[in-house]
Amino acid sequence: MKANLGLSDKKAEKAVDVYSHYIADSYYLYLKTHNFHWNVTGMHFYGLHKMFEEQYNALFGSVDVIAERIRAIGAFVPATFEQFKSLTILKETKEIPKAKDMVEMLKNDHETVIQRLRIWIGEVLALDDTDTGDFLTERMKEHEKTAWMLRSHLEA
């Protein structure tokens, strides 16, 4: 049954498109962060291991909320690796990098997501979809905080 939320078809389609790309980015980032949590080594192991755990748990929770937004609009959620791969611009990590490189990669990925969120926020607000704009703005704040935490680890 089609949702009757007061969204035009154009607004609903745009919101689903944005959320679909964002859930793919978030899931890729979740997987990479969890991978690094499991595989980090070196002098700063414990601190990074704990920080990565906090970050992947936050990302996992956000993926569920994004999926629920898609369903609330009345669409089905992309939920396969193939779909995620086609929707994200983030890259997988095939090797196990050094700890500092892990932090750098995650920082870069969060900053990429922030840049994409800024674009998407502008697009949905141009359609007067303030609900989606508000949601994405709140999520952007979390990515900005995480990127700051990661950047702080990289300073000499």
N, C-alpha and C. Protein backbone atom coordinates (compact mmCIF):
# COMPACT_ATOMS: atom_id res chain seq x y z
N MET A 1 0.84 -1.18 0.00
CA MET A 1 0.00 0.00 0.00
C MET A 1 0.89 1.24 0.00
N LYS A 2 0.55 2.20 -0.83
CA LYS A 2 1.31 3.43 -0.94
C LYS A 2 1.12 4.29 0.32
N ALA A 3 2.21 4.84 0.81
CA ALA A 3 2.15 5.72 1.98
C ALA A 3 1.53 7.06 1.59
N ASN A 4 0.69 7.60 2.46
CA ASN A 4 0.06 8.88 2.22
C ASN A 4 0.65 9.88 3.22
N LEU A 5 1.84 10.39 2.89
CA LEU A 5 2.59 11.24 3.82
C LEU A 5 2.60 12.70 3.43
N GLY A 6 1.87 13.04 2.38
CA GLY A 6 1.88 14.42 1.92
C GLY A 6 3.10 14.75 1.08
N LEU A 7 3.83 13.73 0.65
CA LEU A 7 4.97 13.92 -0.24
C LEU A 7 4.52 13.66 -1.67
N SER A 8 4.88 14.55 -2.56
CA SER A 8 4.61 14.27 -3.97
C SER A 8 5.45 13.09 -4.40
N ASP A 9 5.10 12.49 -5.52
CA ASP A 9 5.89 11.36 -6.03
C ASP A 9 7.34 11.78 -6.25
N LYS A 10 7.53 13.01 -6.75
CA LYS A 10 8.89 13.51 -7.02
C LYS A 10 9.69 13.61 -5.72
N LYS A 11 9.09 14.14 -4.67
CA LYS A 11 9.77 14.26 -3.38
C LYS A 11 10.08 12.89 -2.78
N ALA A 12 9.10 12.00 -2.86
CA ALA A 12 9.29 10.65 -2.31
C ALA A 12 10.40 9.91 -3.06
N GLU A 13 10.40 10.01 -4.37
CA GLU A 13 11.43 9.35 -5.17
C GLU A 13 12.82 9.90 -4.84
N LYS A 14 12.91 11.23 -4.71
CA LYS A 14 14.20 11.85 -4.38
C LYS A 14 14.66 11.41 -2.99
N ALA A 15 13.76 11.40 -2.02
CA ALA A 15 14.12 10.99 -0.67
C ALA A 15 14.61 9.54 -0.66
N VAL A 16 13.90 8.66 -1.35
CA VAL A 16 14.31 7.25 -1.41
C VAL A 16 15.67 7.11 -2.08
N ASP A 17 15.89 7.86 -3.16
CA ASP A 17 17.18 7.82 -3.85
C ASP A 17 18.32 8.26 -2.91
N VAL A 18 18.11 9.36 -2.22
CA VAL A 18 19.13 9.87 -1.30
C VAL A 18 19.37 8.87 -0.17
N TYR A 19 18.30 8.40 0.45
CA TYR A 19 18.44 7.44 1.54
C TYR A 19 19.11 6.15 1.07
N SER A 20 18.84 5.72 -0.14
CA SER A 20 19.44 4.50 -0.67
C SER A 20 20.95 4.65 -0.83
N HIS A 21 21.38 5.80 -1.35
CA HIS A 21 22.82 6.05 -1.46
C HIS A 21 23.45 6.18 -0.07
N TYR A 22 22.74 6.85 0.82
CA TYR A 22 23.29 7.06 2.16
C TYR A 22 23.38 5.76 2.95
N ILE A 23 22.40 4.86 2.82
CA ILE A 23 22.49 3.59 3.54
C ILE A 23 23.65 2.76 3.00
N ALA A 24 23.90 2.84 1.69
CA ALA A 24 25.04 2.11 1.11
C ALA A 24 26.36 2.67 1.65
N ASP A 25 26.48 3.99 1.67
CA ASP A 25 27.69 4.61 2.24
C ASP A 25 27.87 4.21 3.70
N SER A 26 26.79 4.26 4.44
CA SER A 26 26.86 3.96 5.88
C SER A 26 27.22 2.50 6.12
N TYR A 27 26.67 1.60 5.31
CA TYR A 27 26.97 0.18 5.50
C TYR A 27 28.42 -0.12 5.13
N TYR A 28 28.90 0.47 4.05
CA TYR A 28 30.31 0.30 3.68
C TYR A 28 31.22 0.82 4.79
N LEU A 29 30.88 1.97 5.33
CA LEU A 29 31.67 2.56 6.40
C LEU A 29 31.60 1.71 7.65
N TYR A 30 30.44 1.17 7.95
CA TYR A 30 30.28 0.24 9.08
C TYR A 30 31.21 -0.97 8.91
N LEU A 31 31.16 -1.59 7.73
CA LEU A 31 31.98 -2.79 7.49
C LEU A 31 33.47 -2.48 7.60
N LYS A 32 33.89 -1.36 7.04
CA LYS A 32 35.30 -1.00 7.09
C LYS A 32 35.73 -0.73 8.54
N THR A 33 34.90 -0.03 9.28
CA THR A 33 35.22 0.28 10.67
C THR A 33 35.28 -1.00 11.51
N HIS A 34 34.35 -1.90 11.28
CA HIS A 34 34.36 -3.17 12.01
C HIS A 34 35.59 -4.00 11.64
N ASN A 35 35.95 -4.03 10.38
CA ASN A 35 37.16 -4.70 9.91
C ASN A 35 38.38 -4.15 10.65
N PHE A 36 38.48 -2.83 10.72
CA PHE A 36 39.63 -2.22 11.37
C PHE A 36 39.61 -2.49 12.88
N HIS A 37 38.45 -2.53 13.48
CA HIS A 37 38.34 -2.88 14.90
C HIS A 37 38.93 -4.27 15.15
N TRP A 38 38.59 -5.21 14.30
CA TRP A 38 39.09 -6.57 14.46
C TRP A 38 40.58 -6.68 14.20
N ASN A 39 41.10 -5.89 13.29
CA ASN A 39 42.45 -6.12 12.77
C ASN A 39 43.48 -5.07 13.12
N VAL A 40 43.14 -4.08 13.92
CA VAL A 40 44.12 -3.06 14.29
C VAL A 40 45.21 -3.69 15.16
N THR A 41 46.43 -3.25 14.95
CA THR A 41 47.57 -3.70 15.75
C THR A 41 48.45 -2.49 16.05
N GLY A 42 49.41 -2.70 16.90
CA GLY A 42 50.39 -1.66 17.16
C GLY A 42 50.25 -1.04 18.54
N MET A 43 51.07 -0.03 18.73
CA MET A 43 51.21 0.62 20.02
C MET A 43 49.89 1.22 20.54
N HIS A 44 49.02 1.65 19.65
CA HIS A 44 47.77 2.29 20.04
C HIS A 44 46.57 1.35 19.88
N PHE A 45 46.86 0.05 19.91
CA PHE A 45 45.83 -0.95 19.69
C PHE A 45 44.59 -0.73 20.55
N TYR A 46 44.77 -0.67 21.85
CA TYR A 46 43.61 -0.66 22.74
C TYR A 46 42.71 0.56 22.49
N GLY A 47 43.29 1.73 22.42
CA GLY A 47 42.49 2.93 22.20
C GLY A 47 41.76 2.92 20.87
N LEU A 48 42.45 2.50 19.81
CA LEU A 48 41.81 2.44 18.49
C LEU A 48 40.76 1.34 18.44
N HIS A 49 41.08 0.21 19.04
CA HIS A 49 40.13 -0.91 19.08
C HIS A 49 38.82 -0.46 19.72
N LYS A 50 38.89 0.24 20.84
CA LYS A 50 37.70 0.73 21.54
C LYS A 50 36.99 1.82 20.73
N MET A 51 37.76 2.75 20.16
CA MET A 51 37.16 3.82 19.39
C MET A 51 36.44 3.26 18.15
N PHE A 52 37.09 2.34 17.45
CA PHE A 52 36.46 1.74 16.28
C PHE A 52 35.17 1.01 16.68
N GLU A 53 35.19 0.36 17.83
CA GLU A 53 33.99 -0.34 18.30
C GLU A 53 32.84 0.64 18.52
N GLU A 54 33.11 1.74 19.17
CA GLU A 54 32.08 2.77 19.38
C GLU A 54 31.55 3.27 18.04
N GLN A 55 32.46 3.48 17.10
CA GLN A 55 32.06 4.01 15.80
C GLN A 55 31.25 3.00 14.99
N TYR A 56 31.66 1.73 14.98
CA TYR A 56 30.89 0.78 14.18
C TYR A 56 29.53 0.52 14.81
N ASN A 57 29.44 0.55 16.12
CA ASN A 57 28.13 0.39 16.76
C ASN A 57 27.20 1.55 16.40
N ALA A 58 27.72 2.77 16.40
CA ALA A 58 26.91 3.93 16.01
C ALA A 58 26.47 3.82 14.56
N LEU A 59 27.37 3.40 13.69
CA LEU A 59 27.03 3.25 12.27
C LEU A 59 25.98 2.17 12.07
N PHE A 60 26.11 1.06 12.78
CA PHE A 60 25.15 -0.02 12.64
C PHE A 60 23.75 0.46 13.04
N GLY A 61 23.68 1.21 14.14
CA GLY A 61 22.39 1.76 14.55
C GLY A 61 21.80 2.71 13.54
N SER A 62 22.66 3.49 12.90
CA SER A 62 22.17 4.46 11.92
C SER A 62 21.64 3.75 10.68
N VAL A 63 22.24 2.64 10.30
CA VAL A 63 21.79 1.91 9.11
C VAL A 63 20.33 1.47 9.30
N ASP A 64 20.00 1.01 10.48
CA ASP A 64 18.63 0.58 10.74
C ASP A 64 17.66 1.76 10.65
N VAL A 65 18.05 2.90 11.18
CA VAL A 65 17.19 4.09 11.14
C VAL A 65 16.99 4.56 9.70
N ILE A 66 18.05 4.53 8.91
CA ILE A 66 17.93 4.93 7.50
C ILE A 66 16.99 3.97 6.76
N ALA A 67 17.14 2.68 7.02
CA ALA A 67 16.27 1.69 6.38
C ALA A 67 14.81 1.92 6.76
N GLU A 68 14.57 2.23 8.02
CA GLU A 68 13.21 2.48 8.45
C GLU A 68 12.62 3.72 7.79
N ARG A 69 13.44 4.72 7.50
CA ARG A 69 12.97 5.92 6.79
C ARG A 69 12.52 5.54 5.38
N ILE A 70 13.30 4.69 4.72
CA ILE A 70 12.94 4.25 3.37
C ILE A 70 11.61 3.50 3.41
N ARG A 71 11.46 2.61 4.37
CA ARG A 71 10.22 1.83 4.47
C ARG A 71 9.03 2.73 4.81
N ALA A 72 9.26 3.73 5.67
CA ALA A 72 8.16 4.63 6.05
C ALA A 72 7.63 5.39 4.83
N ILE A 73 8.52 5.68 3.90
CA ILE A 73 8.10 6.38 2.67
C ILE A 73 7.34 5.42 1.75
N GLY A 74 7.53 4.13 1.95
CA GLY A 74 6.78 3.14 1.18
C GLY A 74 7.61 2.38 0.16
N ALA A 75 8.92 2.53 0.23
CA ALA A 75 9.79 1.83 -0.72
C ALA A 75 10.49 0.67 -0.02
N PHE A 76 11.07 -0.19 -0.82
CA PHE A 76 11.88 -1.28 -0.27
C PHE A 76 13.33 -0.83 -0.16
N VAL A 77 14.01 -1.37 0.81
CA VAL A 77 15.38 -0.97 1.14
C VAL A 77 16.37 -1.78 0.31
N PRO A 78 17.34 -1.11 -0.34
CA PRO A 78 18.42 -1.88 -0.95
C PRO A 78 19.21 -2.54 0.17
N ALA A 79 19.44 -3.84 0.07
CA ALA A 79 20.04 -4.52 1.21
C ALA A 79 20.97 -5.65 0.82
N THR A 80 21.47 -5.62 -0.40
CA THR A 80 22.45 -6.64 -0.79
C THR A 80 23.79 -5.96 -1.02
N PHE A 81 24.84 -6.74 -0.93
CA PHE A 81 26.16 -6.18 -1.18
C PHE A 81 26.26 -5.62 -2.59
N GLU A 82 25.65 -6.29 -3.56
CA GLU A 82 25.67 -5.81 -4.93
C GLU A 82 24.98 -4.45 -5.05
N GLN A 83 23.83 -4.31 -4.39
CA GLN A 83 23.13 -3.02 -4.42
C GLN A 83 23.96 -1.94 -3.73
N PHE A 84 24.51 -2.25 -2.57
CA PHE A 84 25.32 -1.27 -1.85
C PHE A 84 26.52 -0.84 -2.69
N LYS A 85 27.16 -1.80 -3.31
CA LYS A 85 28.34 -1.50 -4.12
C LYS A 85 27.99 -0.55 -5.28
N SER A 86 26.80 -0.72 -5.85
CA SER A 86 26.40 0.14 -6.97
C SER A 86 25.97 1.53 -6.50
N LEU A 87 25.63 1.68 -5.23
CA LEU A 87 25.12 2.95 -4.71
C LEU A 87 26.16 3.80 -4.00
N THR A 88 27.25 3.20 -3.55
CA THR A 88 28.25 3.95 -2.78
C THR A 88 29.40 4.40 -3.67
N ILE A 89 30.09 5.44 -3.24
CA ILE A 89 31.33 5.83 -3.89
C ILE A 89 32.53 5.48 -3.01
N LEU A 90 32.26 4.97 -1.81
CA LEU A 90 33.34 4.56 -0.92
C LEU A 90 33.98 3.29 -1.45
N LYS A 91 35.25 3.12 -1.15
CA LYS A 91 36.01 1.98 -1.66
C LYS A 91 36.29 0.97 -0.55
N GLU A 92 36.26 -0.28 -0.94
CA GLU A 92 36.63 -1.34 -0.01
C GLU A 92 38.13 -1.32 0.23
N THR A 93 38.51 -1.90 1.34
CA THR A 93 39.93 -2.06 1.66
C THR A 93 40.21 -3.55 1.61
N LYS A 94 41.06 -3.95 0.69
CA LYS A 94 41.34 -5.37 0.52
C LYS A 94 42.48 -5.84 1.43
N GLU A 95 43.40 -4.94 1.75
CA GLU A 95 44.52 -5.30 2.62
C GLU A 95 44.22 -4.83 4.04
N ILE A 96 45.08 -5.23 4.96
CA ILE A 96 44.98 -4.75 6.33
C ILE A 96 46.03 -3.66 6.48
N PRO A 97 45.60 -2.40 6.54
CA PRO A 97 46.55 -1.30 6.62
C PRO A 97 47.12 -1.15 8.03
N LYS A 98 48.15 -0.36 8.14
CA LYS A 98 48.72 0.00 9.44
C LYS A 98 47.69 0.85 10.18
N ALA A 99 47.81 0.92 11.49
CA ALA A 99 46.83 1.61 12.33
C ALA A 99 46.61 3.06 11.89
N LYS A 100 47.69 3.79 11.65
CA LYS A 100 47.56 5.19 11.25
C LYS A 100 46.82 5.30 9.92
N ASP A 101 47.07 4.38 9.00
CA ASP A 101 46.38 4.40 7.71
C ASP A 101 44.89 4.07 7.88
N MET A 102 44.57 3.20 8.83
CA MET A 102 43.17 2.91 9.12
C MET A 102 42.44 4.18 9.53
N VAL A 103 43.06 4.91 10.46
CA VAL A 103 42.45 6.15 10.94
C VAL A 103 42.28 7.14 9.79
N GLU A 104 43.30 7.26 8.97
CA GLU A 104 43.25 8.18 7.82
C GLU A 104 42.14 7.78 6.84
N MET A 105 42.02 6.49 6.55
CA MET A 105 41.00 6.02 5.62
C MET A 105 39.60 6.29 6.16
N LEU A 106 39.39 6.02 7.43
CA LEU A 106 38.07 6.26 8.01
C LEU A 106 37.75 7.75 8.05
N LYS A 107 38.73 8.57 8.38
CA LYS A 107 38.54 10.03 8.36
C LYS A 107 38.11 10.47 6.96
N ASN A 108 38.84 10.01 5.97
CA ASN A 108 38.53 10.38 4.58
C ASN A 108 37.13 9.93 4.18
N ASP A 109 36.75 8.72 4.59
CA ASP A 109 35.42 8.22 4.24
C ASP A 109 34.32 9.04 4.92
N HIS A 110 34.51 9.37 6.19
CA HIS A 110 33.51 10.20 6.87
C HIS A 110 33.42 11.57 6.20
N GLU A 111 34.54 12.14 5.82
CA GLU A 111 34.52 13.44 5.15
C GLU A 111 33.84 13.35 3.79
N THR A 112 34.01 12.25 3.09
CA THR A 112 33.31 12.03 1.82
C THR A 112 31.81 11.97 2.05
N VAL A 113 31.40 11.24 3.09
CA VAL A 113 29.98 11.14 3.41
C VAL A 113 29.43 12.52 3.78
N ILE A 114 30.17 13.29 4.54
CA ILE A 114 29.75 14.65 4.91
C ILE A 114 29.53 15.49 3.66
N GLN A 115 30.46 15.42 2.72
CA GLN A 115 30.33 16.20 1.49
C GLN A 115 29.09 15.77 0.70
N ARG A 116 28.84 14.47 0.64
CA ARG A 116 27.65 13.98 -0.06
C ARG A 116 26.38 14.41 0.66
N LEU A 117 26.40 14.37 1.99
CA LEU A 117 25.22 14.79 2.76
C LEU A 117 24.91 16.26 2.50
N ARG A 118 25.92 17.10 2.43
CA ARG A 118 25.69 18.52 2.15
C ARG A 118 24.96 18.70 0.81
N ILE A 119 25.39 17.97 -0.20
CA ILE A 119 24.74 18.04 -1.51
C ILE A 119 23.30 17.56 -1.42
N TRP A 120 23.11 16.40 -0.78
CA TRP A 120 21.76 15.84 -0.68
C TRP A 120 20.83 16.74 0.12
N ILE A 121 21.33 17.33 1.18
CA ILE A 121 20.50 18.24 1.97
C ILE A 121 20.01 19.39 1.09
N GLY A 122 20.91 19.96 0.32
CA GLY A 122 20.51 21.03 -0.60
C GLY A 122 19.46 20.58 -1.59
N GLU A 123 19.63 19.37 -2.11
CA GLU A 123 18.67 18.86 -3.10
C GLU A 123 17.28 18.63 -2.50
N VAL A 124 17.23 18.03 -1.32
CA VAL A 124 15.90 17.76 -0.74
C VAL A 124 15.24 19.04 -0.23
N LEU A 125 16.05 19.97 0.27
CA LEU A 125 15.47 21.24 0.71
C LEU A 125 14.94 22.05 -0.47
N ALA A 126 15.58 21.91 -1.62
CA ALA A 126 15.08 22.59 -2.83
C ALA A 126 13.69 22.06 -3.22
N LEU A 127 13.36 20.86 -2.78
CA LEU A 127 12.04 20.28 -3.02
C LEU A 127 11.11 20.49 -1.83
N ASP A 128 11.54 21.28 -0.86
CA ASP A 128 10.78 21.55 0.37
C ASP A 128 10.53 20.29 1.19
N ASP A 129 11.45 19.35 1.14
CA ASP A 129 11.36 18.15 1.98
C ASP A 129 12.21 18.40 3.23
N THR A 130 11.64 19.17 4.14
CA THR A 130 12.39 19.55 5.34
C THR A 130 12.62 18.36 6.28
N ASP A 131 11.72 17.39 6.27
CA ASP A 131 11.89 16.22 7.14
C ASP A 131 13.16 15.46 6.78
N THR A 132 13.35 15.19 5.50
CA THR A 132 14.56 14.51 5.06
C THR A 132 15.78 15.40 5.30
N GLY A 133 15.65 16.68 5.02
CA GLY A 133 16.75 17.61 5.26
C GLY A 133 17.17 17.63 6.72
N ASP A 134 16.20 17.65 7.63
CA ASP A 134 16.50 17.63 9.06
C ASP A 134 17.20 16.34 9.47
N PHE A 135 16.69 15.22 8.97
CA PHE A 135 17.29 13.93 9.30
C PHE A 135 18.74 13.87 8.84
N LEU A 136 18.98 14.27 7.60
CA LEU A 136 20.34 14.23 7.05
C LEU A 136 21.26 15.20 7.78
N THR A 137 20.75 16.34 8.19
CA THR A 137 21.56 17.31 8.93
C THR A 137 21.99 16.73 10.28
N GLU A 138 21.08 16.06 10.96
CA GLU A 138 21.44 15.43 12.24
C GLU A 138 22.48 14.33 12.04
N ARG A 139 22.33 13.56 10.98
CA ARG A 139 23.31 12.50 10.70
C ARG A 139 24.66 13.13 10.35
N MET A 140 24.65 14.23 9.62
CA MET A 140 25.89 14.89 9.24
C MET A 140 26.67 15.32 10.48
N LYS A 141 25.98 15.79 11.49
CA LYS A 141 26.64 16.20 12.73
C LYS A 141 27.41 15.03 13.35
N GLU A 142 26.86 13.84 13.29
CA GLU A 142 27.53 12.66 13.83
C GLU A 142 28.79 12.32 13.02
N HIS A 143 28.69 12.43 11.71
CA HIS A 143 29.86 12.17 10.86
C HIS A 143 30.94 13.23 11.09
N GLU A 144 30.52 14.49 11.28
CA GLU A 144 31.49 15.55 11.55
C GLU A 144 32.23 15.31 12.86
N LYS A 145 31.51 14.88 13.88
CA LYS A 145 32.14 14.59 15.17
C LYS A 145 33.12 13.42 15.04
N THR A 146 32.71 12.40 14.33
CA THR A 146 33.57 11.23 14.14
C THR A 146 34.82 11.61 13.35
N ALA A 147 34.65 12.40 12.29
CA ALA A 147 35.80 12.83 11.49
C ALA A 147 36.76 13.65 12.35
N TRP A 148 36.24 14.50 13.22
CA TRP A 148 37.07 15.29 14.13
C TRP A 148 37.86 14.37 15.06
N MET A 149 37.19 13.37 15.63
CA MET A 149 37.88 12.42 16.52
C MET A 149 39.03 11.71 15.77
N LEU A 150 38.75 11.30 14.56
CA LEU A 150 39.77 10.62 13.77
C LEU A 150 40.91 11.56 13.40
N ARG A 151 40.58 12.78 12.99
CA ARG A 151 41.62 13.78 12.67
C ARG A 151 42.51 14.03 13.88
N SER A 152 41.92 14.09 15.05
CA SER A 152 42.69 14.35 16.27
C SER A 152 43.72 13.26 16.54
N HIS A 153 43.44 12.06 16.14
CA HIS A 153 44.40 10.96 16.31
C HIS A 153 45.59 11.08 15.34
N LEU A 154 45.39 11.82 14.28
CA LEU A 154 46.43 11.93 13.26
C LEU A 154 47.41 13.08 13.51
N GLU A 155 47.08 13.96 14.44
CA GLU A 155 47.97 15.09 14.71
C GLU A 155 49.19 14.64 15.48
N ALA A 156 50.32 15.26 15.15
CA ALA A 156 51.59 14.89 15.78
C ALA A 156 51.67 15.38 17.20
